[in-house]
N, C-alpha and C. Protein backbone atom coordinates (compact mmCIF):
# COMPACT_ATOMS: atom_id res chain seq x y z
N MET A 1 5.75 19.30 -29.62
CA MET A 1 6.44 18.07 -29.33
C MET A 1 5.55 17.21 -28.43
N ARG A 2 5.67 15.93 -28.60
CA ARG A 2 4.90 14.97 -27.80
C ARG A 2 5.81 13.81 -27.43
N MET A 3 5.63 13.30 -26.22
CA MET A 3 6.41 12.17 -25.75
C MET A 3 5.46 11.15 -25.13
N THR A 4 5.56 9.91 -25.61
CA THR A 4 4.75 8.82 -25.06
C THR A 4 5.69 7.74 -24.58
N VAL A 5 5.47 7.29 -23.34
CA VAL A 5 6.33 6.28 -22.74
C VAL A 5 5.45 5.23 -22.07
N ARG A 6 5.82 3.99 -22.23
CA ARG A 6 5.14 2.88 -21.55
C ARG A 6 6.19 2.09 -20.79
N LEU A 7 5.99 1.93 -19.50
CA LEU A 7 6.93 1.23 -18.64
C LEU A 7 6.27 0.02 -18.00
N ASP A 8 6.94 -1.11 -18.04
CA ASP A 8 6.54 -2.29 -17.28
C ASP A 8 7.55 -2.42 -16.16
N LEU A 9 7.06 -2.34 -14.93
CA LEU A 9 7.96 -2.25 -13.78
C LEU A 9 7.66 -3.35 -12.76
N PRO A 10 8.69 -3.77 -12.03
CA PRO A 10 8.42 -4.72 -10.95
C PRO A 10 7.68 -4.00 -9.82
N ARG A 11 6.81 -4.73 -9.15
CA ARG A 11 6.04 -4.16 -8.03
C ARG A 11 6.93 -4.13 -6.79
N GLU A 12 7.82 -3.15 -6.78
CA GLU A 12 8.74 -2.97 -5.66
C GLU A 12 8.99 -1.48 -5.47
N ALA A 13 9.40 -1.12 -4.27
CA ALA A 13 9.55 0.28 -3.90
C ALA A 13 10.53 1.03 -4.80
N GLY A 14 11.57 0.37 -5.30
CA GLY A 14 12.55 1.02 -6.15
C GLY A 14 12.00 1.50 -7.48
N SER A 15 10.86 1.00 -7.88
CA SER A 15 10.24 1.44 -9.14
C SER A 15 9.68 2.86 -9.03
N ILE A 16 9.28 3.26 -7.84
CA ILE A 16 8.61 4.55 -7.66
C ILE A 16 9.54 5.72 -7.99
N PRO A 17 10.74 5.81 -7.43
CA PRO A 17 11.60 6.94 -7.80
C PRO A 17 12.03 6.90 -9.27
N ALA A 18 12.12 5.72 -9.86
CA ALA A 18 12.48 5.62 -11.28
C ALA A 18 11.39 6.26 -12.15
N VAL A 19 10.13 5.98 -11.84
CA VAL A 19 9.01 6.58 -12.58
C VAL A 19 9.00 8.08 -12.38
N ARG A 20 9.19 8.51 -11.15
CA ARG A 20 9.18 9.94 -10.84
C ARG A 20 10.27 10.68 -11.61
N ARG A 21 11.46 10.12 -11.66
CA ARG A 21 12.58 10.76 -12.39
C ARG A 21 12.29 10.82 -13.89
N LEU A 22 11.75 9.75 -14.44
CA LEU A 22 11.42 9.75 -15.87
C LEU A 22 10.38 10.83 -16.18
N LEU A 23 9.34 10.91 -15.35
CA LEU A 23 8.32 11.94 -15.55
C LEU A 23 8.94 13.33 -15.45
N ARG A 24 9.76 13.55 -14.44
CA ARG A 24 10.41 14.85 -14.26
C ARG A 24 11.23 15.23 -15.48
N CYS A 25 11.99 14.29 -16.02
CA CYS A 25 12.80 14.55 -17.21
C CYS A 25 11.93 14.90 -18.42
N ALA A 26 10.86 14.14 -18.63
CA ALA A 26 9.97 14.40 -19.76
C ALA A 26 9.34 15.79 -19.64
N LEU A 27 8.89 16.14 -18.45
CA LEU A 27 8.25 17.44 -18.25
C LEU A 27 9.26 18.58 -18.39
N THR A 28 10.49 18.35 -17.97
CA THR A 28 11.52 19.38 -18.11
C THR A 28 11.88 19.61 -19.57
N VAL A 29 12.04 18.53 -20.32
CA VAL A 29 12.36 18.64 -21.75
C VAL A 29 11.27 19.42 -22.49
N LEU A 30 10.02 19.25 -22.07
CA LEU A 30 8.91 19.93 -22.73
C LEU A 30 8.61 21.30 -22.09
N HIS A 31 9.46 21.74 -21.18
CA HIS A 31 9.36 23.07 -20.56
C HIS A 31 8.03 23.29 -19.85
N VAL A 32 7.56 22.26 -19.14
CA VAL A 32 6.32 22.37 -18.37
C VAL A 32 6.62 23.18 -17.11
N ASP A 33 5.68 24.03 -16.72
CA ASP A 33 5.88 24.91 -15.56
C ASP A 33 6.08 24.09 -14.28
N HIS A 34 6.82 24.69 -13.34
CA HIS A 34 7.17 23.99 -12.10
C HIS A 34 5.97 23.55 -11.27
N PRO A 35 4.94 24.39 -11.09
CA PRO A 35 3.80 23.92 -10.28
C PRO A 35 3.13 22.68 -10.89
N SER A 36 2.97 22.63 -12.19
CA SER A 36 2.37 21.46 -12.83
C SER A 36 3.27 20.24 -12.68
N ARG A 37 4.58 20.43 -12.84
CA ARG A 37 5.52 19.32 -12.66
C ARG A 37 5.42 18.76 -11.26
N ASP A 38 5.40 19.66 -10.27
CA ASP A 38 5.33 19.22 -8.87
C ASP A 38 4.03 18.45 -8.62
N ASP A 39 2.91 18.96 -9.12
CA ASP A 39 1.62 18.28 -8.93
C ASP A 39 1.65 16.87 -9.53
N LEU A 40 2.17 16.76 -10.74
CA LEU A 40 2.21 15.46 -11.40
C LEU A 40 3.17 14.50 -10.72
N GLU A 41 4.30 14.99 -10.23
CA GLU A 41 5.23 14.12 -9.52
C GLU A 41 4.60 13.55 -8.26
N ILE A 42 3.89 14.40 -7.52
CA ILE A 42 3.22 13.91 -6.31
C ILE A 42 2.14 12.89 -6.68
N ALA A 43 1.33 13.21 -7.68
CA ALA A 43 0.24 12.32 -8.07
C ALA A 43 0.75 10.96 -8.55
N ILE A 44 1.78 10.97 -9.39
CA ILE A 44 2.29 9.68 -9.90
C ILE A 44 2.96 8.89 -8.79
N THR A 45 3.60 9.58 -7.85
CA THR A 45 4.20 8.89 -6.71
C THR A 45 3.12 8.20 -5.88
N GLU A 46 2.02 8.89 -5.65
CA GLU A 46 0.93 8.30 -4.88
C GLU A 46 0.30 7.11 -5.61
N ALA A 47 0.09 7.24 -6.92
CA ALA A 47 -0.51 6.14 -7.69
C ALA A 47 0.39 4.91 -7.68
N CYS A 48 1.68 5.11 -7.89
CA CYS A 48 2.62 3.98 -7.89
C CYS A 48 2.78 3.38 -6.50
N THR A 49 2.80 4.22 -5.48
CA THR A 49 2.90 3.73 -4.11
C THR A 49 1.69 2.85 -3.76
N ASN A 50 0.51 3.26 -4.22
CA ASN A 50 -0.67 2.44 -3.96
C ASN A 50 -0.53 1.06 -4.59
N VAL A 51 0.01 0.99 -5.80
CA VAL A 51 0.21 -0.31 -6.43
C VAL A 51 1.20 -1.15 -5.63
N VAL A 52 2.34 -0.55 -5.28
CA VAL A 52 3.38 -1.30 -4.57
C VAL A 52 2.85 -1.81 -3.22
N LYS A 53 2.08 -0.99 -2.53
CA LYS A 53 1.60 -1.38 -1.19
C LYS A 53 0.35 -2.25 -1.22
N HIS A 54 -0.51 -2.07 -2.22
CA HIS A 54 -1.84 -2.67 -2.11
C HIS A 54 -2.23 -3.64 -3.23
N ALA A 55 -1.48 -3.74 -4.30
CA ALA A 55 -1.90 -4.59 -5.44
C ALA A 55 -1.50 -6.04 -5.21
N SER A 56 -2.10 -6.64 -4.21
CA SER A 56 -1.81 -8.04 -3.90
C SER A 56 -2.05 -8.90 -5.13
N GLY A 57 -1.15 -9.84 -5.34
CA GLY A 57 -1.27 -10.74 -6.47
C GLY A 57 -0.56 -10.28 -7.72
N ALA A 58 -0.18 -9.01 -7.78
CA ALA A 58 0.53 -8.49 -8.96
C ALA A 58 2.03 -8.56 -8.73
N GLU A 59 2.76 -9.01 -9.74
CA GLU A 59 4.21 -9.02 -9.66
C GLU A 59 4.80 -7.77 -10.30
N SER A 60 4.04 -7.14 -11.19
CA SER A 60 4.52 -5.96 -11.89
C SER A 60 3.35 -5.00 -12.09
N PHE A 61 3.67 -3.83 -12.62
CA PHE A 61 2.64 -2.87 -12.97
C PHE A 61 3.11 -2.06 -14.16
N GLU A 62 2.17 -1.38 -14.78
CA GLU A 62 2.47 -0.61 -15.99
C GLU A 62 2.15 0.86 -15.76
N VAL A 63 3.03 1.72 -16.26
CA VAL A 63 2.80 3.17 -16.24
C VAL A 63 2.88 3.65 -17.68
N ARG A 64 1.87 4.40 -18.08
CA ARG A 64 1.86 5.01 -19.41
C ARG A 64 1.81 6.53 -19.26
N LEU A 65 2.77 7.19 -19.88
CA LEU A 65 2.83 8.66 -19.87
C LEU A 65 2.60 9.15 -21.28
N ASP A 66 1.76 10.13 -21.41
CA ASP A 66 1.56 10.79 -22.69
C ASP A 66 1.66 12.28 -22.41
N VAL A 67 2.80 12.86 -22.77
CA VAL A 67 3.08 14.25 -22.44
C VAL A 67 3.19 15.06 -23.72
N ALA A 68 2.43 16.14 -23.79
CA ALA A 68 2.48 17.07 -24.92
C ALA A 68 2.77 18.46 -24.37
N ASP A 69 2.82 19.43 -25.25
CA ASP A 69 3.14 20.80 -24.84
C ASP A 69 2.16 21.38 -23.82
N ASP A 70 0.91 20.99 -23.89
CA ASP A 70 -0.10 21.62 -23.05
C ASP A 70 -0.88 20.65 -22.16
N HIS A 71 -0.45 19.38 -22.13
CA HIS A 71 -1.28 18.38 -21.47
C HIS A 71 -0.46 17.13 -21.15
N CYS A 72 -0.79 16.48 -20.05
CA CYS A 72 -0.17 15.20 -19.70
C CYS A 72 -1.27 14.25 -19.24
N ALA A 73 -1.23 13.03 -19.73
CA ALA A 73 -2.15 11.97 -19.28
C ALA A 73 -1.31 10.82 -18.75
N ILE A 74 -1.73 10.28 -17.63
CA ILE A 74 -0.98 9.21 -16.97
C ILE A 74 -1.95 8.08 -16.61
N ASP A 75 -1.53 6.85 -16.92
CA ASP A 75 -2.25 5.65 -16.50
C ASP A 75 -1.29 4.81 -15.67
N VAL A 76 -1.78 4.33 -14.54
CA VAL A 76 -1.04 3.38 -13.72
C VAL A 76 -1.96 2.18 -13.55
N CYS A 77 -1.52 1.01 -14.03
CA CYS A 77 -2.39 -0.16 -13.96
C CYS A 77 -1.62 -1.40 -13.49
N ASP A 78 -2.37 -2.30 -12.90
CA ASP A 78 -1.80 -3.54 -12.40
C ASP A 78 -2.80 -4.67 -12.64
N ASP A 79 -2.35 -5.88 -12.41
CA ASP A 79 -3.23 -7.04 -12.55
C ASP A 79 -3.42 -7.74 -11.20
N GLY A 80 -3.46 -6.93 -10.15
CA GLY A 80 -3.62 -7.47 -8.81
C GLY A 80 -5.07 -7.80 -8.45
N ASP A 81 -5.31 -7.90 -7.15
CA ASP A 81 -6.62 -8.31 -6.65
C ASP A 81 -7.70 -7.24 -6.80
N GLY A 82 -7.32 -6.01 -7.07
CA GLY A 82 -8.29 -4.94 -7.23
C GLY A 82 -8.67 -4.29 -5.90
N PHE A 83 -9.47 -3.23 -5.98
CA PHE A 83 -9.94 -2.53 -4.80
C PHE A 83 -11.31 -1.94 -5.11
N ASP A 84 -11.98 -1.50 -4.07
CA ASP A 84 -13.29 -0.87 -4.23
C ASP A 84 -13.09 0.65 -4.19
N PRO A 85 -13.14 1.32 -5.33
CA PRO A 85 -12.92 2.78 -5.35
C PRO A 85 -13.89 3.53 -4.45
N ASP A 86 -15.13 3.05 -4.31
CA ASP A 86 -16.10 3.73 -3.45
C ASP A 86 -15.71 3.64 -1.98
N ALA A 87 -15.09 2.53 -1.60
CA ALA A 87 -14.67 2.37 -0.20
C ALA A 87 -13.49 3.28 0.13
N CYS A 88 -12.78 3.74 -0.87
CA CYS A 88 -11.62 4.60 -0.67
C CYS A 88 -11.96 6.08 -0.83
N ALA A 89 -13.23 6.39 -0.97
CA ALA A 89 -13.65 7.76 -1.29
C ALA A 89 -13.71 8.67 -0.08
N GLY A 90 -13.71 8.13 1.12
CA GLY A 90 -13.85 8.96 2.32
C GLY A 90 -12.56 9.68 2.69
N THR A 91 -12.67 10.54 3.67
CA THR A 91 -11.52 11.27 4.19
C THR A 91 -10.99 10.54 5.41
N PRO A 92 -9.68 10.28 5.45
CA PRO A 92 -9.12 9.56 6.60
C PRO A 92 -9.15 10.43 7.86
N GLU A 93 -9.07 9.79 9.00
CA GLU A 93 -8.98 10.50 10.27
C GLU A 93 -7.75 11.41 10.25
N ALA A 94 -7.83 12.53 10.94
CA ALA A 94 -6.72 13.49 10.96
C ALA A 94 -5.45 12.87 11.52
N SER A 95 -5.56 11.93 12.42
CA SER A 95 -4.39 11.31 13.03
C SER A 95 -3.85 10.13 12.22
N SER A 96 -4.55 9.74 11.16
CA SER A 96 -4.14 8.58 10.36
C SER A 96 -2.87 8.88 9.57
N GLU A 97 -2.01 7.88 9.48
CA GLU A 97 -0.77 7.99 8.72
C GLU A 97 -0.96 7.55 7.27
N ARG A 98 -2.15 7.09 6.93
CA ARG A 98 -2.41 6.52 5.60
C ARG A 98 -3.72 7.03 5.05
N GLY A 99 -3.96 6.70 3.78
CA GLY A 99 -5.27 6.93 3.20
C GLY A 99 -5.47 8.23 2.45
N ARG A 100 -4.39 8.94 2.15
CA ARG A 100 -4.52 10.22 1.46
C ARG A 100 -4.12 10.18 -0.01
N GLY A 101 -3.61 9.06 -0.49
CA GLY A 101 -3.08 8.98 -1.85
C GLY A 101 -4.10 9.32 -2.92
N LEU A 102 -5.26 8.67 -2.88
CA LEU A 102 -6.28 8.93 -3.89
C LEU A 102 -6.84 10.34 -3.77
N LEU A 103 -6.95 10.85 -2.55
CA LEU A 103 -7.39 12.24 -2.37
C LEU A 103 -6.41 13.22 -3.00
N LEU A 104 -5.12 12.96 -2.84
CA LEU A 104 -4.10 13.82 -3.44
C LEU A 104 -4.16 13.76 -4.96
N ILE A 105 -4.31 12.56 -5.50
CA ILE A 105 -4.39 12.42 -6.96
C ILE A 105 -5.59 13.20 -7.49
N LYS A 106 -6.73 13.09 -6.81
CA LYS A 106 -7.93 13.83 -7.24
C LYS A 106 -7.74 15.33 -7.12
N ALA A 107 -7.04 15.77 -6.08
CA ALA A 107 -6.84 17.21 -5.87
C ALA A 107 -5.83 17.80 -6.85
N LEU A 108 -4.82 17.03 -7.23
CA LEU A 108 -3.74 17.55 -8.07
C LEU A 108 -3.95 17.28 -9.56
N GLY A 109 -4.79 16.30 -9.88
CA GLY A 109 -5.01 15.93 -11.27
C GLY A 109 -6.36 16.39 -11.78
N GLU A 110 -6.58 16.14 -13.05
CA GLU A 110 -7.84 16.43 -13.71
C GLU A 110 -8.34 15.15 -14.36
N ASN A 111 -9.63 15.06 -14.57
CA ASN A 111 -10.21 13.91 -15.26
C ASN A 111 -9.74 12.60 -14.63
N VAL A 112 -9.77 12.54 -13.32
CA VAL A 112 -9.31 11.35 -12.60
C VAL A 112 -10.37 10.26 -12.71
N ARG A 113 -9.91 9.08 -13.12
CA ARG A 113 -10.79 7.91 -13.22
C ARG A 113 -10.11 6.72 -12.57
N MET A 114 -10.91 5.94 -11.88
CA MET A 114 -10.40 4.72 -11.27
C MET A 114 -11.31 3.58 -11.68
N HIS A 115 -10.69 2.49 -12.06
CA HIS A 115 -11.45 1.31 -12.46
C HIS A 115 -10.75 0.10 -11.85
N SER A 116 -11.53 -0.76 -11.23
CA SER A 116 -10.95 -1.94 -10.62
C SER A 116 -11.93 -3.10 -10.72
N VAL A 117 -11.39 -4.26 -11.03
CA VAL A 117 -12.18 -5.48 -11.12
C VAL A 117 -11.53 -6.51 -10.20
N PRO A 118 -12.31 -7.09 -9.26
CA PRO A 118 -11.72 -8.07 -8.35
C PRO A 118 -10.96 -9.17 -9.10
N ARG A 119 -9.74 -9.43 -8.63
CA ARG A 119 -8.84 -10.46 -9.16
C ARG A 119 -8.43 -10.23 -10.62
N ARG A 120 -8.69 -9.03 -11.16
CA ARG A 120 -8.30 -8.75 -12.55
C ARG A 120 -7.47 -7.47 -12.66
N GLY A 121 -7.41 -6.69 -11.58
CA GLY A 121 -6.55 -5.53 -11.62
C GLY A 121 -7.24 -4.19 -11.51
N SER A 122 -6.42 -3.15 -11.55
CA SER A 122 -6.89 -1.79 -11.34
C SER A 122 -6.20 -0.83 -12.30
N LEU A 123 -6.89 0.27 -12.56
CA LEU A 123 -6.37 1.35 -13.38
C LEU A 123 -6.68 2.67 -12.69
N ILE A 124 -5.69 3.51 -12.58
CA ILE A 124 -5.88 4.90 -12.16
C ILE A 124 -5.40 5.76 -13.31
N HIS A 125 -6.29 6.62 -13.78
CA HIS A 125 -5.99 7.53 -14.89
C HIS A 125 -6.16 8.95 -14.37
N PHE A 126 -5.21 9.82 -14.69
CA PHE A 126 -5.37 11.24 -14.39
C PHE A 126 -4.62 12.06 -15.42
N GLU A 127 -5.03 13.30 -15.51
CA GLU A 127 -4.47 14.22 -16.50
C GLU A 127 -4.14 15.55 -15.84
N LYS A 128 -3.42 16.38 -16.57
CA LYS A 128 -3.12 17.74 -16.11
C LYS A 128 -2.93 18.60 -17.35
N SER A 129 -3.59 19.74 -17.37
CA SER A 129 -3.39 20.72 -18.43
C SER A 129 -2.40 21.76 -17.95
N PHE A 130 -1.59 22.27 -18.86
CA PHE A 130 -0.56 23.25 -18.51
C PHE A 130 -0.96 24.63 -18.98
N ALA A 131 -0.46 25.62 -18.28
CA ALA A 131 -0.74 27.02 -18.65
C ALA A 131 -0.06 27.36 -19.95
């Protein structure tokens, strides 16, 4: 079985739990193991939170889920001002309350790719294979 979903969402905090619930439902229907579900929920929450907090100039964003029996691919994209992925590559200070989202996505996902063009938007892509 395979499930593909494309969502166009307003760039607001209420969109984040809606995406997370949809992902959780899709993964549950496909009987994906709990550790993989948890990893993907955290990763998609971080990706969407980054858009809501940082995608200046964007009114909405898009989430694409492609879930199969053994694999999930997720794209989160916006048409905001963009960001410099290299500038976000470092480790935040231990006392910092921010700056861990991309690190978490990289740690929990596979084949993580980030693409951003100034004033044209950003894309975060990540995948997860299931046992």
